[in-house]
Amino acid sequence: MPNKTTEGFDAAAYMREYITEKVIYKRVNFTKGKAEDQELLDWIAAQPEGISPYIKRIVREDMERRRNSP
């Protein structure tokens, strides 16, 4: 299936370039069959805000706590 274009605009090419230039992926590994990891995965999956926003929020909260600690 060809890329969708509108008047010379290639949306798929634009998205590839945007992701390459602007997005950073960080990988977190969890071990299958390890109860502790499964508990963490279940907790993360249950967050209504989504995985990425949840992780960003808890990192921000941790940063703030550390800034404000003696």
N, C-alpha and C. Protein backbone atom coordinates (compact mmCIF):
# COMPACT_ATOMS: atom_id res chain seq x y z
N MET A 1 0.85 -1.18 0.00
CA MET A 1 0.00 0.00 0.00
C MET A 1 0.89 1.24 0.00
N PRO A 2 0.69 2.14 -0.93
CA PRO A 2 1.52 3.34 -1.00
C PRO A 2 1.24 4.29 0.16
N ASN A 3 2.23 5.14 0.45
CA ASN A 3 2.04 6.16 1.48
C ASN A 3 0.97 7.15 1.05
N LYS A 4 0.20 7.60 2.01
CA LYS A 4 -0.82 8.60 1.71
C LYS A 4 -0.13 9.95 1.57
N THR A 5 -0.42 10.63 0.49
CA THR A 5 0.15 11.96 0.27
C THR A 5 -0.98 12.92 -0.04
N THR A 6 -0.79 14.13 0.39
CA THR A 6 -1.73 15.19 0.08
C THR A 6 -0.92 16.35 -0.48
N GLU A 7 -1.11 16.62 -1.74
CA GLU A 7 -0.40 17.70 -2.42
C GLU A 7 1.09 17.66 -2.14
N GLY A 8 1.69 16.49 -2.29
CA GLY A 8 3.13 16.34 -2.11
C GLY A 8 3.58 16.10 -0.69
N PHE A 9 2.66 16.07 0.28
CA PHE A 9 3.02 15.84 1.68
C PHE A 9 2.94 14.35 1.97
N ASP A 10 4.05 13.77 2.38
CA ASP A 10 4.11 12.34 2.70
C ASP A 10 4.06 12.19 4.22
N ALA A 11 2.89 11.86 4.74
CA ALA A 11 2.69 11.79 6.18
C ALA A 11 3.56 10.72 6.83
N ALA A 12 3.71 9.58 6.17
CA ALA A 12 4.52 8.50 6.74
C ALA A 12 5.98 8.93 6.85
N ALA A 13 6.51 9.58 5.84
CA ALA A 13 7.90 10.06 5.86
C ALA A 13 8.06 11.12 6.95
N TYR A 14 7.08 11.99 7.06
CA TYR A 14 7.12 13.02 8.11
C TYR A 14 7.18 12.38 9.49
N MET A 15 6.35 11.37 9.74
CA MET A 15 6.34 10.71 11.05
C MET A 15 7.65 9.98 11.32
N ARG A 16 8.22 9.30 10.33
CA ARG A 16 9.51 8.63 10.49
C ARG A 16 10.58 9.64 10.89
N GLU A 17 10.62 10.77 10.20
CA GLU A 17 11.61 11.80 10.49
C GLU A 17 11.39 12.39 11.89
N TYR A 18 10.13 12.68 12.22
CA TYR A 18 9.81 13.24 13.53
C TYR A 18 10.27 12.29 14.65
N ILE A 19 9.94 11.02 14.53
CA ILE A 19 10.30 10.03 15.55
C ILE A 19 11.82 9.92 15.66
N THR A 20 12.50 9.89 14.52
CA THR A 20 13.96 9.78 14.54
C THR A 20 14.60 10.98 15.24
N GLU A 21 14.08 12.17 14.99
CA GLU A 21 14.69 13.39 15.51
C GLU A 21 14.20 13.78 16.90
N LYS A 22 12.99 13.44 17.27
CA LYS A 22 12.38 14.00 18.49
C LYS A 22 12.09 13.01 19.60
N VAL A 23 12.01 11.72 19.30
CA VAL A 23 11.54 10.75 20.29
C VAL A 23 12.71 9.89 20.77
N ILE A 24 12.76 9.71 22.09
CA ILE A 24 13.76 8.83 22.71
C ILE A 24 13.01 7.72 23.42
N TYR A 25 13.40 6.50 23.14
CA TYR A 25 12.79 5.35 23.79
C TYR A 25 13.74 4.84 24.86
N LYS A 26 13.22 4.51 26.02
CA LYS A 26 13.99 3.88 27.09
C LYS A 26 13.31 2.56 27.40
N ARG A 27 14.10 1.54 27.49
CA ARG A 27 13.56 0.19 27.66
C ARG A 27 13.71 -0.25 29.11
N VAL A 28 12.66 -0.88 29.62
CA VAL A 28 12.68 -1.46 30.96
C VAL A 28 12.36 -2.94 30.80
N ASN A 29 13.19 -3.78 31.35
CA ASN A 29 12.99 -5.22 31.22
C ASN A 29 12.29 -5.80 32.44
N PHE A 30 11.37 -6.71 32.19
CA PHE A 30 10.69 -7.45 33.23
C PHE A 30 10.85 -8.93 32.90
N THR A 31 11.02 -9.74 33.93
CA THR A 31 11.24 -11.17 33.73
C THR A 31 9.93 -11.93 33.83
N LYS A 32 9.63 -12.71 32.78
CA LYS A 32 8.43 -13.55 32.79
C LYS A 32 8.56 -14.57 33.91
N GLY A 33 7.47 -14.80 34.60
CA GLY A 33 7.45 -15.81 35.65
C GLY A 33 7.99 -15.33 36.99
N LYS A 34 8.49 -14.10 37.04
CA LYS A 34 8.98 -13.55 38.31
C LYS A 34 7.84 -12.76 38.94
N ALA A 35 7.38 -13.22 40.09
CA ALA A 35 6.19 -12.64 40.73
C ALA A 35 6.33 -11.14 40.97
N GLU A 36 7.48 -10.71 41.42
CA GLU A 36 7.69 -9.28 41.70
C GLU A 36 7.55 -8.44 40.44
N ASP A 37 8.12 -8.92 39.33
CA ASP A 37 8.00 -8.19 38.08
C ASP A 37 6.55 -8.18 37.58
N GLN A 38 5.86 -9.29 37.70
CA GLN A 38 4.47 -9.35 37.26
C GLN A 38 3.60 -8.39 38.07
N GLU A 39 3.88 -8.29 39.37
CA GLU A 39 3.14 -7.35 40.22
C GLU A 39 3.35 -5.91 39.73
N LEU A 40 4.58 -5.58 39.37
CA LEU A 40 4.87 -4.24 38.86
C LEU A 40 4.16 -4.00 37.53
N LEU A 41 4.22 -4.98 36.64
CA LEU A 41 3.55 -4.85 35.34
C LEU A 41 2.05 -4.67 35.49
N ASP A 42 1.45 -5.44 36.37
CA ASP A 42 0.01 -5.33 36.61
C ASP A 42 -0.35 -3.95 37.14
N TRP A 43 0.48 -3.43 38.04
CA TRP A 43 0.23 -2.10 38.63
C TRP A 43 0.32 -1.03 37.55
N ILE A 44 1.38 -1.08 36.76
CA ILE A 44 1.57 -0.09 35.69
C ILE A 44 0.42 -0.15 34.70
N ALA A 45 0.02 -1.33 34.31
CA ALA A 45 -1.05 -1.49 33.34
C ALA A 45 -2.39 -0.97 33.86
N ALA A 46 -2.57 -0.97 35.17
CA ALA A 46 -3.84 -0.54 35.76
C ALA A 46 -3.95 0.98 35.91
N GLN A 47 -2.90 1.72 35.61
CA GLN A 47 -2.95 3.18 35.77
C GLN A 47 -3.76 3.80 34.65
N PRO A 48 -4.79 4.57 35.01
CA PRO A 48 -5.70 5.11 33.99
C PRO A 48 -5.04 6.12 33.06
N GLU A 49 -3.96 6.75 33.50
CA GLU A 49 -3.34 7.79 32.69
C GLU A 49 -2.47 7.21 31.57
N GLY A 50 -2.15 5.94 31.63
CA GLY A 50 -1.30 5.31 30.63
C GLY A 50 0.11 5.12 31.16
N ILE A 51 0.86 4.26 30.51
CA ILE A 51 2.19 3.88 31.01
C ILE A 51 3.17 5.05 30.97
N SER A 52 3.32 5.68 29.83
CA SER A 52 4.30 6.76 29.70
C SER A 52 3.99 7.94 30.62
N PRO A 53 2.77 8.45 30.63
CA PRO A 53 2.46 9.55 31.54
C PRO A 53 2.65 9.16 33.01
N TYR A 54 2.32 7.93 33.36
CA TYR A 54 2.48 7.47 34.74
C TYR A 54 3.95 7.49 35.14
N ILE A 55 4.80 6.92 34.30
CA ILE A 55 6.23 6.87 34.63
C ILE A 55 6.81 8.28 34.70
N LYS A 56 6.44 9.14 33.76
CA LYS A 56 6.94 10.52 33.79
C LYS A 56 6.49 11.22 35.07
N ARG A 57 5.24 10.99 35.47
CA ARG A 57 4.73 11.64 36.69
C ARG A 57 5.50 11.17 37.93
N ILE A 58 5.72 9.86 38.06
CA ILE A 58 6.41 9.39 39.28
C ILE A 58 7.87 9.83 39.29
N VAL A 59 8.48 9.97 38.12
CA VAL A 59 9.85 10.49 38.07
C VAL A 59 9.86 11.95 38.51
N ARG A 60 8.90 12.74 38.00
CA ARG A 60 8.82 14.15 38.41
C ARG A 60 8.60 14.27 39.92
N GLU A 61 7.70 13.44 40.47
CA GLU A 61 7.46 13.47 41.91
C GLU A 61 8.71 13.12 42.70
N ASP A 62 9.46 12.13 42.24
CA ASP A 62 10.71 11.75 42.89
C ASP A 62 11.73 12.89 42.82
N MET A 63 11.83 13.54 41.66
CA MET A 63 12.74 14.67 41.51
C MET A 63 12.38 15.78 42.49
N GLU A 64 11.09 16.08 42.59
CA GLU A 64 10.63 17.13 43.50
C GLU A 64 10.93 16.78 44.95
N ARG A 65 10.68 15.54 45.34
CA ARG A 65 10.97 15.11 46.71
C ARG A 65 12.46 15.29 47.03
N ARG A 66 13.30 14.91 46.10
CA ARG A 66 14.75 15.02 46.33
C ARG A 66 15.21 16.47 46.40
N ARG A 67 14.59 17.33 45.61
CA ARG A 67 14.92 18.76 45.67
C ARG A 67 14.54 19.37 47.01
N ASN A 68 13.43 18.89 47.57
CA ASN A 68 12.91 19.45 48.81
C ASN A 68 13.40 18.74 50.07
N SER A 69 14.19 17.68 49.91
CA SER A 69 14.65 16.97 51.11
C SER A 69 15.93 17.64 51.64
N PRO A 70 16.12 17.55 52.96
CA PRO A 70 17.29 18.21 53.59
C PRO A 70 18.60 17.60 53.18
